[in-house]
Amino acid sequence: MSALAAQAIGTQRLDLLPLRVEHAEEMAAVLSDPALHTFIGGTPDTPQALRSRYQRITAGSPDPAVSWLNWVIRLRAESCLAGTVQATVGPSGHGTVAEVAWVVGAPWQGRGIAAEAARGLVDWLGRQPVDVVLAHIHPEHRASAAVATAAGLTPTGEWHDGELRWHLAVGRRLRRRSGGAK
């Protein structure tokens, strides 16, 4: 598999923009609520710490077979950032797998933004050389389970580090539906 690169993705209300280091200051404010870390652990990053993390992320994976794809979620009507989506894409025993995750800042939660962003991401991944989309969700995180369901993923019954694995066979189905367009 050749490395994938994040590309801008548009949905009805959102622009998923490839992550840039310059997003760190605004994203530090978006992600500043400690409640966002209830299920993932840690604490909110300062703008400087987030800038350092974004520098590492945007430099790309040290493994040439793995692509780190990261986007910020921009609300088009409000012209502001509201969260992130990400996919780590690489080979596995099941073909090419994309492990996805999302986070939306507390002020924007409950508006369907995470679900819309996750659907946009999964649709985009389905047009790439990706066979399977996975997510790992804490069993008590009902909102994240609802987002995964909205994006077409289903729980597998398999566990990884205390989180339930969700799965969607994506590539062949979407590439066939879109006539193979990329």
Protein backbone atom coordinates (compact mmCIF):
# COMPACT_ATOMS: atom_id res chain seq x y z
CA MET A 1 0.00 0.00 0.00
CA SER A 2 1.28 3.45 -0.84
CA ALA A 3 0.92 6.18 1.76
CA LEU A 4 -2.38 8.02 1.84
CA ALA A 5 -2.65 11.75 2.43
CA ALA A 6 -5.53 13.54 4.11
CA GLN A 7 -7.58 15.54 1.64
CA ALA A 8 -10.31 18.08 2.32
CA ILE A 9 -13.70 16.40 2.76
CA GLY A 10 -16.98 18.30 2.53
CA THR A 11 -20.26 17.23 4.10
CA GLN A 12 -23.58 19.05 4.32
CA ARG A 13 -22.48 21.39 7.13
CA LEU A 14 -18.81 20.63 7.63
CA ASP A 15 -15.40 20.93 6.09
CA LEU A 16 -12.92 18.31 7.26
CA LEU A 17 -9.60 20.06 6.69
CA PRO A 18 -6.23 18.31 6.82
CA LEU A 19 -4.62 19.07 10.18
CA ARG A 20 -1.97 21.81 10.22
CA VAL A 21 0.25 22.95 13.07
CA GLU A 22 -1.41 26.36 12.79
CA HIS A 23 -4.67 24.82 14.05
CA ALA A 24 -3.17 24.20 17.51
CA GLU A 25 -4.18 27.42 19.21
CA GLU A 26 -7.85 27.29 18.18
CA MET A 27 -8.01 23.53 18.80
CA ALA A 28 -6.56 23.93 22.31
CA ALA A 29 -9.60 26.05 23.13
CA VAL A 30 -11.98 23.58 21.39
CA LEU A 31 -10.52 20.66 23.37
CA SER A 32 -10.10 22.48 26.69
CA ASP A 33 -12.96 20.84 28.59
CA PRO A 34 -11.55 18.18 30.99
CA ALA A 35 -14.77 16.15 30.52
CA LEU A 36 -13.56 15.26 27.00
CA HIS A 37 -10.91 13.08 28.68
CA THR A 38 -13.36 11.01 30.76
CA PHE A 39 -13.03 7.92 28.57
CA ILE A 40 -9.61 8.49 26.95
CA GLY A 41 -7.65 9.71 29.96
CA GLY A 42 -5.21 12.56 30.21
CA THR A 43 -5.88 16.26 30.47
CA PRO A 44 -6.38 19.05 27.95
CA ASP A 45 -3.21 20.20 26.17
CA THR A 46 -1.96 23.76 26.30
CA PRO A 47 -1.64 25.48 22.92
CA GLN A 48 2.13 24.91 23.05
CA ALA A 49 1.80 21.21 23.87
CA LEU A 50 -0.81 20.77 21.15
CA ARG A 51 1.46 22.57 18.66
CA SER A 52 4.28 20.12 19.50
CA ARG A 53 1.92 17.17 19.14
CA TYR A 54 0.60 18.47 15.81
CA GLN A 55 4.19 18.88 14.58
CA ARG A 56 4.85 15.20 15.33
CA ILE A 57 1.56 14.08 13.80
CA THR A 58 1.89 16.10 10.60
CA ALA A 59 5.45 14.79 10.09
CA GLY A 60 3.80 11.42 9.47
CA SER A 61 4.25 7.90 10.68
CA PRO A 62 7.80 6.59 10.97
CA ASP A 63 6.50 3.37 9.40
CA PRO A 64 6.16 3.88 5.63
CA ALA A 65 3.39 1.25 5.50
CA VAL A 66 1.22 3.29 7.91
CA SER A 67 -0.53 6.57 7.14
CA TRP A 68 -1.54 8.99 9.87
CA LEU A 69 -4.52 10.96 8.58
CA ASN A 70 -5.87 13.80 10.69
CA TRP A 71 -8.48 16.46 10.05
CA VAL A 72 -9.98 19.35 11.97
CA ILE A 73 -13.75 19.71 11.79
CA ARG A 74 -14.75 23.18 10.60
CA LEU A 75 -18.36 24.29 10.91
CA ARG A 76 -18.90 26.05 7.62
CA ALA A 77 -21.77 28.36 8.73
CA GLU A 78 -19.99 29.46 11.90
CA SER A 79 -16.49 29.50 10.37
CA CYS A 80 -14.97 27.87 13.45
CA LEU A 81 -13.25 24.64 14.37
CA ALA A 82 -15.27 22.21 16.49
CA GLY A 83 -13.24 19.00 16.75
CA THR A 84 -11.14 16.41 14.95
CA VAL A 85 -11.39 13.12 13.12
CA GLN A 86 -8.51 10.80 12.43
CA ALA A 87 -7.63 7.55 10.74
CA THR A 88 -4.52 5.41 11.09
CA VAL A 89 -4.32 3.31 7.93
CA GLY A 90 -2.09 0.30 7.49
CA PRO A 91 -1.84 -3.35 6.57
CA SER A 92 -3.24 -6.10 8.76
CA GLY A 93 -4.31 -9.70 8.45
CA HIS A 94 -7.68 -8.38 7.20
CA GLY A 95 -6.31 -6.30 4.31
CA THR A 96 -5.83 -2.57 4.71
CA VAL A 97 -7.40 -1.34 7.93
CA ALA A 98 -8.27 2.20 9.01
CA GLU A 99 -8.61 2.74 12.74
CA VAL A 100 -10.73 5.84 13.23
CA ALA A 101 -11.52 8.20 16.09
CA TRP A 102 -13.31 11.50 16.61
CA VAL A 103 -13.74 14.20 19.21
CA VAL A 104 -16.01 17.23 19.22
CA GLY A 105 -15.61 20.08 21.68
CA ALA A 106 -18.20 20.32 24.44
CA PRO A 107 -19.92 23.49 23.13
CA TRP A 108 -20.71 21.74 19.83
CA GLN A 109 -21.85 18.36 21.17
CA GLY A 110 -25.42 17.17 20.72
CA ARG A 111 -25.76 18.71 17.24
CA GLY A 112 -24.86 15.65 15.15
CA ILE A 113 -21.46 17.07 14.21
CA ALA A 114 -19.43 14.01 15.23
CA ALA A 115 -21.81 11.67 13.38
CA GLU A 116 -21.71 13.80 10.23
CA ALA A 117 -17.91 14.05 10.37
CA ALA A 118 -17.50 10.32 10.99
CA ARG A 119 -19.83 9.48 8.08
CA GLY A 120 -17.85 11.83 5.83
CA LEU A 121 -14.59 10.21 6.91
CA VAL A 122 -15.89 6.65 6.44
CA ASP A 123 -17.31 7.52 3.01
CA TRP A 124 -13.93 9.01 2.00
CA LEU A 125 -12.05 5.96 3.32
CA GLY A 126 -14.36 3.73 1.28
CA ARG A 127 -13.06 5.39 -1.88
CA GLN A 128 -9.45 4.76 -0.87
CA PRO A 129 -7.60 1.43 -0.90
CA VAL A 130 -9.06 0.55 2.52
CA ASP A 131 -10.90 -2.68 3.27
CA VAL A 132 -11.96 -2.35 6.89
CA VAL A 133 -12.75 0.54 9.24
CA LEU A 134 -12.35 -0.06 12.97
CA ALA A 135 -13.08 2.02 16.04
CA HIS A 136 -12.43 1.24 19.70
CA ILE A 137 -15.06 2.63 22.04
CA HIS A 138 -15.34 2.56 25.82
CA PRO A 139 -18.42 0.48 26.75
CA GLU A 140 -19.95 3.35 28.74
CA HIS A 141 -19.43 6.00 26.06
CA ARG A 142 -22.93 5.98 24.59
CA ALA A 143 -22.41 9.10 22.48
CA SER A 144 -19.39 7.61 20.73
CA ALA A 145 -21.27 4.34 20.16
CA ALA A 146 -24.06 6.37 18.53
CA VAL A 147 -21.52 8.07 16.26
CA ALA A 148 -20.03 4.72 15.25
CA THR A 149 -23.53 3.39 14.50
CA ALA A 150 -24.34 6.47 12.41
CA ALA A 151 -21.13 5.88 10.41
CA GLY A 152 -22.18 2.29 9.69
CA LEU A 153 -19.91 0.47 12.13
CA THR A 154 -21.22 -2.38 14.29
CA PRO A 155 -19.86 -3.78 17.56
CA THR A 156 -17.88 -7.00 17.16
CA GLY A 157 -17.91 -8.37 20.70
CA GLU A 158 -14.09 -8.20 20.67
CA TRP A 159 -12.26 -6.14 23.28
CA HIS A 160 -9.00 -4.21 23.08
CA ASP A 161 -7.56 -2.41 26.13
CA GLY A 162 -10.98 -2.24 27.81
CA GLU A 163 -12.72 -0.87 24.73
CA LEU A 164 -15.19 -2.59 22.42
CA ARG A 165 -14.06 -3.00 18.82
CA TRP A 166 -16.47 -1.72 16.16
CA HIS A 167 -16.12 -2.82 12.52
CA LEU A 168 -17.23 -2.00 8.99
CA ALA A 169 -16.10 -3.72 5.79
CA VAL A 170 -15.95 -0.61 3.66
CA GLY A 171 -13.71 -0.55 0.61
CA ARG A 172 -15.18 -2.89 -1.92
CA ARG A 173 -18.77 -1.88 -1.15
CA LEU A 174 -18.24 1.87 -1.55
CA ARG A 175 -15.83 1.63 -4.50
CA ARG A 176 -18.38 -0.54 -6.30
CA ARG A 177 -21.24 1.87 -5.46
CA SER A 178 -19.28 4.90 -6.72
CA GLY A 179 -18.13 3.14 -9.87
CA GLY A 180 -14.54 2.89 -8.64
CA ALA A 181 -14.07 6.68 -8.48
CA LYS A 182 -11.43 7.92 -6.12
